[in-house]
Amino acid sequence: MGQRYQQRKSKRANQILNVAITIVAVLIIFLGSSLAFSYFNDSSKDTVVDEEQTGIGESGDGETIEEGNEEGSSDGNDSESNEDATNEDEEGTEDQDEGTEEDSANEDEEGTEDGEMVVPTEQTNPNPNDFSSAGQNWSEMSEAVHLGAGLDEASTTIIRLENGGSTTSARGILLDRNSSMYYDVRIQWEDNVGWRVESVEESATQPSY
């Protein structure tokens, strides 16, 4: 009787021990699996984070390079725009200068054609029929005939300066000592204006009086 009891007790103890061992083994496996799962999960997260950071860094570098290229392109475009603007300004200035010179030449030609060669009078009491060589009227007539001939007084000789057929007209004959050419210049008086050149004739022989 006592022996059977001991056997049963020993058998039960073995069963409890086996169950405990089984439970401990299951717990160990469960804990090991949990730790392994946590480890691999953390590793995958770290890998994803590293890839994202790497992608961001590459994208940032790319953007930086693009921005540098854009800035360089912008600087290049600005330089080209400034050069184009400078060239346009220079061309515009040249065109304006040429236009001004052409306008001046045209104005001079039109003034000559329209009889704009005039010597304004400075006479207080004008007397266009006064041919005294010491008078102001003579000085203005001399200036007018030289203006009409396009000569200066230093290189010419006044052959004759006389009445032109009326009290308000005069005629001057000049000799250009450099070319030996004669100039027959007719001028007309205009009240409140002065002496205006009417006509100019050039000849190799002295005109008749």
C-alpha atoms as a PDB file:
ATOM      1  CA  MET A   1       0.000   0.000   0.000  1.00  0.00           C
ATOM      2  CA  GLY A   2       2.693   2.392   0.929  1.00  0.00           C
ATOM      3  CA  GLN A   3       4.663   1.473  -2.169  1.00  0.00           C
ATOM      4  CA  ARG A   4       1.748   2.222  -4.499  1.00  0.00           C
ATOM      5  CA  TYR A   5       1.256   5.570  -2.871  1.00  0.00           C
ATOM      6  CA  GLN A   6       4.876   6.437  -3.411  1.00  0.00           C
ATOM      7  CA  GLN A   7       4.673   5.387  -7.042  1.00  0.00           C
ATOM      8  CA  ARG A   8       1.593   7.494  -7.637  1.00  0.00           C
ATOM      9  CA  LYS A   9       3.196  10.431  -5.891  1.00  0.00           C
ATOM     10  CA  SER A  10       6.323  10.048  -7.919  1.00  0.00           C
ATOM     11  CA  LYS A  11       4.310   9.740 -11.133  1.00  0.00           C
ATOM     12  CA  ARG A  12       2.295  12.840 -10.329  1.00  0.00           C
ATOM     13  CA  ALA A  13       5.447  14.775  -9.541  1.00  0.00           C
ATOM     14  CA  ASN A  14       6.912  13.709 -12.872  1.00  0.00           C
ATOM     15  CA  GLN A  15       3.730  14.835 -14.662  1.00  0.00           C
ATOM     16  CA  ILE A  16       3.799  18.212 -12.900  1.00  0.00           C
ATOM     17  CA  LEU A  17       7.468  18.553 -13.722  1.00  0.00           C
ATOM     18  CA  ASN A  18       6.846  17.717 -17.385  1.00  0.00           C
ATOM     19  CA  VAL A  19       3.985  20.188 -17.520  1.00  0.00           C
ATOM     20  CA  ALA A  20       6.162  22.840 -15.931  1.00  0.00           C
ATOM     21  CA  ILE A  21       8.990  22.094 -18.336  1.00  0.00           C
ATOM     22  CA  THR A  22       6.559  22.289 -21.228  1.00  0.00           C
ATOM     23  CA  ILE A  23       5.182  25.593 -19.978  1.00  0.00           C
ATOM     24  CA  VAL A  24       8.672  26.988 -19.506  1.00  0.00           C
ATOM     25  CA  ALA A  25       9.654  25.831 -22.987  1.00  0.00           C
ATOM     26  CA  VAL A  26       6.546  27.414 -24.478  1.00  0.00           C
ATOM     27  CA  LEU A  27       7.268  30.628 -22.619  1.00  0.00           C
ATOM     28  CA  ILE A  28      10.865  30.584 -23.807  1.00  0.00           C
ATOM     29  CA  ILE A  29       9.758  30.019 -27.397  1.00  0.00           C
ATOM     30  CA  PHE A  30       7.138  32.753 -27.110  1.00  0.00           C
ATOM     31  CA  LEU A  31       9.568  35.222 -25.615  1.00  0.00           C
ATOM     32  CA  GLY A  32      12.228  34.315 -28.162  1.00  0.00           C
ATOM     33  CA  SER A  33       9.750  34.769 -30.977  1.00  0.00           C
ATOM     34  CA  SER A  34       8.624  38.110 -29.583  1.00  0.00           C
ATOM     35  CA  LEU A  35      12.184  39.327 -29.245  1.00  0.00           C
ATOM     36  CA  ALA A  36      13.064  38.149 -32.737  1.00  0.00           C
ATOM     37  CA  PHE A  37       9.954  39.771 -34.199  1.00  0.00           C
ATOM     38  CA  SER A  38      10.700  43.039 -32.374  1.00  0.00           C
ATOM     39  CA  TYR A  39      14.317  42.975 -33.573  1.00  0.00           C
ATOM     40  CA  PHE A  40      13.418  42.403 -37.223  1.00  0.00           C
ATOM     41  CA  ASN A  41      10.625  44.985 -37.028  1.00  0.00           C
ATOM     42  CA  ASP A  42      13.011  47.607 -35.610  1.00  0.00           C
ATOM     43  CA  SER A  43      15.622  46.731 -38.233  1.00  0.00           C
ATOM     44  CA  SER A  44      13.113  47.157 -41.056  1.00  0.00           C
ATOM     45  CA  LYS A  45      12.017  50.529 -39.636  1.00  0.00           C
ATOM     46  CA  ASP A  46      15.633  51.680 -39.433  1.00  0.00           C
ATOM     47  CA  THR A  47      16.178  50.582 -43.021  1.00  0.00           C
ATOM     48  CA  VAL A  48      13.130  52.528 -44.191  1.00  0.00           C
ATOM     49  CA  VAL A  49      14.199  55.610 -42.252  1.00  0.00           C
ATOM     50  CA  ASP A  50      17.736  55.410 -43.705  1.00  0.00           C
ATOM     51  CA  GLU A  51      16.346  55.071 -47.217  1.00  0.00           C
ATOM     52  CA  GLU A  52      14.048  58.042 -46.686  1.00  0.00           C
ATOM     53  CA  GLN A  53      16.881  60.139 -45.288  1.00  0.00           C
ATOM     54  CA  THR A  54      19.128  59.092 -48.164  1.00  0.00           C
ATOM     55  CA  GLY A  55      16.416  59.988 -50.653  1.00  0.00           C
ATOM     56  CA  ILE A  56      15.903  63.353 -48.990  1.00  0.00           C
ATOM     57  CA  GLY A  57      19.617  64.037 -49.042  1.00  0.00           C
ATOM     58  CA  GLU A  58      19.856  63.142 -52.692  1.00  0.00           C
ATOM     59  CA  SER A  59      16.825  65.239 -53.461  1.00  0.00           C
ATOM     60  CA  GLY A  60      18.294  68.109 -51.496  1.00  0.00           C
ATOM     61  CA  ASP A  61      21.567  67.833 -53.357  1.00  0.00           C
ATOM     62  CA  GLY A  62      19.733  67.703 -56.619  1.00  0.00           C
ATOM     63  CA  GLU A  63      17.694  70.737 -55.726  1.00  0.00           C
ATOM     64  CA  THR A  64      20.824  72.564 -54.646  1.00  0.00           C
ATOM     65  CA  ILE A  65      22.505  71.791 -57.925  1.00  0.00           C
ATOM     66  CA  GLU A  66      19.404  72.817 -59.844  1.00  0.00           C
ATOM     67  CA  GLU A  67      19.203  76.031 -57.872  1.00  0.00           C
ATOM     68  CA  GLY A  68      22.870  76.694 -58.619  1.00  0.00           C
ATOM     69  CA  ASN A  69      22.249  75.991 -62.275  1.00  0.00           C
ATOM     70  CA  GLU A  70      19.197  78.225 -62.218  1.00  0.00           C
ATOM     71  CA  GLU A  71      21.177  80.981 -60.525  1.00  0.00           C
ATOM     72  CA  GLY A  72      24.021  80.575 -63.011  1.00  0.00           C
ATOM     73  CA  SER A  73      21.527  80.574 -65.866  1.00  0.00           C
ATOM     74  CA  SER A  74      19.815  83.606 -64.376  1.00  0.00           C
ATOM     75  CA  ASP A  75      23.146  85.421 -64.049  1.00  0.00           C
ATOM     76  CA  GLY A  76      24.008  84.484 -67.616  1.00  0.00           C
ATOM     77  CA  ASN A  77      20.634  85.681 -68.848  1.00  0.00           C
ATOM     78  CA  ASP A  78      20.993  88.917 -66.884  1.00  0.00           C
ATOM     79  CA  SER A  79      24.440  89.485 -68.381  1.00  0.00           C
ATOM     80  CA  GLU A  80      23.146  88.816 -71.883  1.00  0.00           C
ATOM     81  CA  SER A  81      20.169  91.120 -71.240  1.00  0.00           C
ATOM     82  CA  ASN A  82      22.481  93.866 -69.990  1.00  0.00           C
ATOM     83  CA  GLU A  83      24.745  93.451 -73.029  1.00  0.00           C
ATOM     84  CA  ASP A  84      21.734  93.533 -75.359  1.00  0.00           C
ATOM     85  CA  ALA A  85      20.381  96.618 -73.607  1.00  0.00           C
ATOM     86  CA  THR A  86      23.804  98.288 -73.854  1.00  0.00           C
ATOM     87  CA  ASN A  87      24.065  97.455 -77.553  1.00  0.00           C
ATOM     88  CA  GLU A  88      20.530  98.731 -78.132  1.00  0.00           C
ATOM     89  CA  ASP A  89      21.334 101.941 -76.255  1.00  0.00           C
ATOM     90  CA  GLU A  90      24.501 102.431 -78.326  1.00  0.00           C
ATOM     91  CA  GLU A  91      22.635 101.728 -81.554  1.00  0.00           C
ATOM     92  CA  GLY A  92      19.857 104.082 -80.468  1.00  0.00           C
ATOM     93  CA  THR A  93      22.408 106.783 -79.655  1.00  0.00           C
ATOM     94  CA  GLU A  94      24.149 106.311 -83.011  1.00  0.00           C
ATOM     95  CA  ASP A  95      20.799 106.441 -84.795  1.00  0.00           C
ATOM     96  CA  GLN A  96      19.868 109.591 -82.905  1.00  0.00           C
ATOM     97  CA  ASP A  97      23.227 111.179 -83.724  1.00  0.00           C
ATOM     98  CA  GLU A  98      22.876 110.260 -87.398  1.00  0.00           C
ATOM     99  CA  GLY A  99      19.301 111.500 -87.370  1.00  0.00           C
ATOM    100  CA  THR A 100      20.369 114.760 -85.739  1.00  0.00           C
ATOM    101  CA  GLU A 101      23.168 115.267 -88.266  1.00  0.00           C
ATOM    102  CA  GLU A 102      20.820 114.485 -91.156  1.00  0.00           C
ATOM    103  CA  ASP A 103      18.173 116.814 -89.737  1.00  0.00           C
ATOM    104  CA  SER A 104      20.749 119.573 -89.319  1.00  0.00           C
ATOM    105  CA  ALA A 105      22.010 119.067 -92.860  1.00  0.00           C
ATOM    106  CA  ASN A 106      18.449 119.058 -94.175  1.00  0.00           C
ATOM    107  CA  GLU A 107      17.627 122.184 -92.214  1.00  0.00           C
ATOM    108  CA  ASP A 108      20.716 123.911 -93.600  1.00  0.00           C
ATOM    109  CA  GLU A 109      19.809 122.889 -97.138  1.00  0.00           C
ATOM    110  CA  GLU A 110      16.196 123.913 -96.678  1.00  0.00           C
ATOM    111  CA  GLY A 111      17.292 127.220 -95.124  1.00  0.00           C
ATOM    112  CA  THR A 112      19.544 127.909 -98.101  1.00  0.00           C
ATOM    113  CA  GLU A 113      16.875 126.902-100.585  1.00  0.00           C
ATOM    114  CA  ASP A 114      14.250 128.966 -98.803  1.00  0.00           C
ATOM    115  CA  GLY A 115      16.538 132.043 -98.829  1.00  0.00           C
ATOM    116  CA  GLU A 116      17.307 131.859 -95.125  1.00  0.00           C
ATOM    117  CA  MET A 117      20.779 133.374 -95.568  1.00  0.00           C
ATOM    118  CA  VAL A 118      20.049 136.601 -93.743  1.00  0.00           C
ATOM    119  CA  VAL A 119      22.231 139.092 -91.912  1.00  0.00           C
ATOM    120  CA  PRO A 120      20.090 140.572 -89.121  1.00  0.00           C
ATOM    121  CA  THR A 121      20.354 144.314 -88.943  1.00  0.00           C
ATOM    122  CA  GLU A 122      21.647 146.207 -85.943  1.00  0.00           C
ATOM    123  CA  GLN A 123      20.768 149.596 -87.374  1.00  0.00           C
ATOM    124  CA  THR A 124      18.681 151.825 -85.118  1.00  0.00           C
ATOM    125  CA  ASN A 125      17.380 153.892 -88.017  1.00  0.00           C
ATOM    126  CA  PRO A 126      17.876 151.620 -91.058  1.00  0.00           C
ATOM    127  CA  ASN A 127      18.807 153.240 -94.343  1.00  0.00           C
ATOM    128  CA  PRO A 128      19.304 150.456 -96.908  1.00  0.00           C
ATOM    129  CA  ASN A 129      20.131 153.013 -99.609  1.00  0.00           C
ATOM    130  CA  ASP A 130      23.201 154.266 -97.745  1.00  0.00           C
ATOM    131  CA  PHE A 131      26.345 153.081 -99.576  1.00  0.00           C
ATOM    132  CA  SER A 132      28.943 155.030 -97.585  1.00  0.00           C
ATOM    133  CA  SER A 133      31.780 152.598 -96.820  1.00  0.00           C
ATOM    134  CA  ALA A 134      32.083 153.796 -93.232  1.00  0.00           C
ATOM    135  CA  GLY A 135      28.416 153.207 -92.349  1.00  0.00           C
ATOM    136  CA  GLN A 136      26.709 150.313 -90.544  1.00  0.00           C
ATOM    137  CA  ASN A 137      24.602 149.555 -93.620  1.00  0.00           C
ATOM    138  CA  TRP A 138      27.747 149.015 -95.726  1.00  0.00           C
ATOM    139  CA  SER A 139      29.132 146.632 -93.085  1.00  0.00           C
ATOM    140  CA  GLU A 140      25.917 144.593 -93.100  1.00  0.00           C
ATOM    141  CA  MET A 141      25.752 144.488 -96.913  1.00  0.00           C
ATOM    142  CA  SER A 142      29.391 143.324 -97.071  1.00  0.00           C
ATOM    143  CA  GLU A 143      28.642 140.590 -94.579  1.00  0.00           C
ATOM    144  CA  ALA A 144      25.576 139.513 -96.578  1.00  0.00           C
ATOM    145  CA  VAL A 145      27.394 139.221 -99.938  1.00  0.00           C
ATOM    146  CA  HIS A 146      30.252 137.282 -98.336  1.00  0.00           C
ATOM    147  CA  LEU A 147      27.666 134.997 -96.692  1.00  0.00           C
ATOM    148  CA  GLY A 148      25.999 134.420-100.046  1.00  0.00           C
ATOM    149  CA  ALA A 149      29.307 133.618-101.784  1.00  0.00           C
ATOM    150  CA  GLY A 150      30.416 131.391 -98.923  1.00  0.00           C
ATOM    151  CA  LEU A 151      33.713 133.262 -98.614  1.00  0.00           C
ATOM    152  CA  ASP A 152      35.502 135.029 -95.791  1.00  0.00           C
ATOM    153  CA  GLU A 153      36.553 138.643 -96.055  1.00  0.00           C
ATOM    154  CA  ALA A 154      40.248 137.862 -95.548  1.00  0.00           C
ATOM    155  CA  SER A 155      40.540 135.951 -98.833  1.00  0.00           C
ATOM    156  CA  THR A 156      38.301 138.166-101.020  1.00  0.00           C
ATOM    157  CA  THR A 157      38.304 141.543-102.662  1.00  0.00           C
ATOM    158  CA  ILE A 158      35.131 143.571-103.041  1.00  0.00           C
ATOM    159  CA  ILE A 159      35.226 144.658-106.698  1.00  0.00           C
ATOM    160  CA  ARG A 160      31.948 146.510-106.437  1.00  0.00           C
ATOM    161  CA  LEU A 161      29.094 147.017-103.965  1.00  0.00           C
ATOM    162  CA  GLU A 162      26.295 149.087-105.416  1.00  0.00           C
ATOM    163  CA  ASN A 163      22.589 149.715-105.677  1.00  0.00           C
ATOM    164  CA  GLY A 164      20.756 146.720-107.085  1.00  0.00           C
ATOM    165  CA  GLY A 165      18.135 148.652-109.026  1.00  0.00           C
ATOM    166  CA  SER A 166      15.956 149.861-106.155  1.00  0.00           C
ATOM    167  CA  THR A 167      16.283 151.576-102.784  1.00  0.00           C
ATOM    168  CA  THR A 168      15.957 148.223-100.983  1.00  0.00           C
ATOM    169  CA  SER A 169      18.289 146.075-103.092  1.00  0.00           C
ATOM    170  CA  ALA A 170      22.056 145.847-103.550  1.00  0.00           C
ATOM    171  CA  ARG A 171      24.596 143.985-105.661  1.00  0.00           C
ATOM    172  CA  GLY A 172      28.090 142.934-104.738  1.00  0.00           C
ATOM    173  CA  ILE A 173      30.870 141.569-106.950  1.00  0.00           C
ATOM    174  CA  LEU A 174      33.587 139.635-105.118  1.00  0.00           C
ATOM    175  CA  LEU A 175      36.894 138.162-106.243  1.00  0.00           C
ATOM    176  CA  ASP A 176      38.163 135.040-104.495  1.00  0.00           C
ATOM    177  CA  ARG A 177      41.925 135.561-104.514  1.00  0.00           C
ATOM    178  CA  ASN A 178      42.575 131.869-103.865  1.00  0.00           C
ATOM    179  CA  SER A 179      40.661 130.551-106.875  1.00  0.00           C
ATOM    180  CA  SER A 180      40.482 133.731-109.023  1.00  0.00           C
ATOM    181  CA  MET A 181      36.727 133.150-109.344  1.00  0.00           C
ATOM    182  CA  TYR A 182      34.188 135.974-109.339  1.00  0.00           C
ATOM    183  CA  TYR A 183      30.913 135.979-107.429  1.00  0.00           C
ATOM    184  CA  ASP A 184      27.963 138.180-108.363  1.00  0.00           C
ATOM    185  CA  VAL A 185      25.724 138.336-105.298  1.00  0.00           C
ATOM    186  CA  ARG A 186      22.371 140.098-105.112  1.00  0.00           C
ATOM    187  CA  ILE A 187      20.757 140.927-101.765  1.00  0.00           C
ATOM    188  CA  GLN A 188      17.400 142.363-100.715  1.00  0.00           C
ATOM    189  CA  TRP A 189      16.500 144.480 -97.702  1.00  0.00           C
ATOM    190  CA  GLU A 190      13.603 143.384 -95.469  1.00  0.00           C
ATOM    191  CA  ASP A 191      12.212 145.800 -92.918  1.00  0.00           C
ATOM    192  CA  ASN A 192      12.760 144.771 -89.298  1.00  0.00           C
ATOM    193  CA  VAL A 193      14.872 141.828 -90.518  1.00  0.00           C
ATOM    194  CA  GLY A 194      17.982 142.853 -92.437  1.00  0.00           C
ATOM    195  CA  TRP A 195      19.746 141.910 -95.668  1.00  0.00           C
ATOM    196  CA  ARG A 196      18.662 138.624 -97.292  1.00  0.00           C
ATOM    197  CA  VAL A 197      20.646 136.867-100.035  1.00  0.00           C
ATOM    198  CA  GLU A 198      18.588 136.614-103.216  1.00  0.00           C
ATOM    199  CA  SER A 199      20.945 135.042-105.781  1.00  0.00           C
ATOM    200  CA  VAL A 200      24.573 134.087-106.335  1.00  0.00           C
ATOM    201  CA  GLU A 201      26.345 133.641-109.690  1.00  0.00           C
ATOM    202  CA  GLU A 202      29.874 132.324-110.046  1.00  0.00           C
ATOM    203  CA  SER A 203      32.073 132.937-113.091  1.00  0.00           C
ATOM    204  CA  ALA A 204      35.685 132.825-114.182  1.00  0.00           C
ATOM    205  CA  THR A 205      35.496 136.312-115.687  1.00  0.00           C
ATOM    206  CA  GLN A 206      34.521 139.543-114.020  1.00  0.00           C
ATOM    207  CA  PRO A 207      30.815 140.296-114.405  1.00  0.00           C
ATOM    208  CA  SER A 208      29.832 143.491-116.158  1.00  0.00           C
ATOM    209  CA  TYR A 209      28.539 146.374-114.084  1.00  0.00           C
END
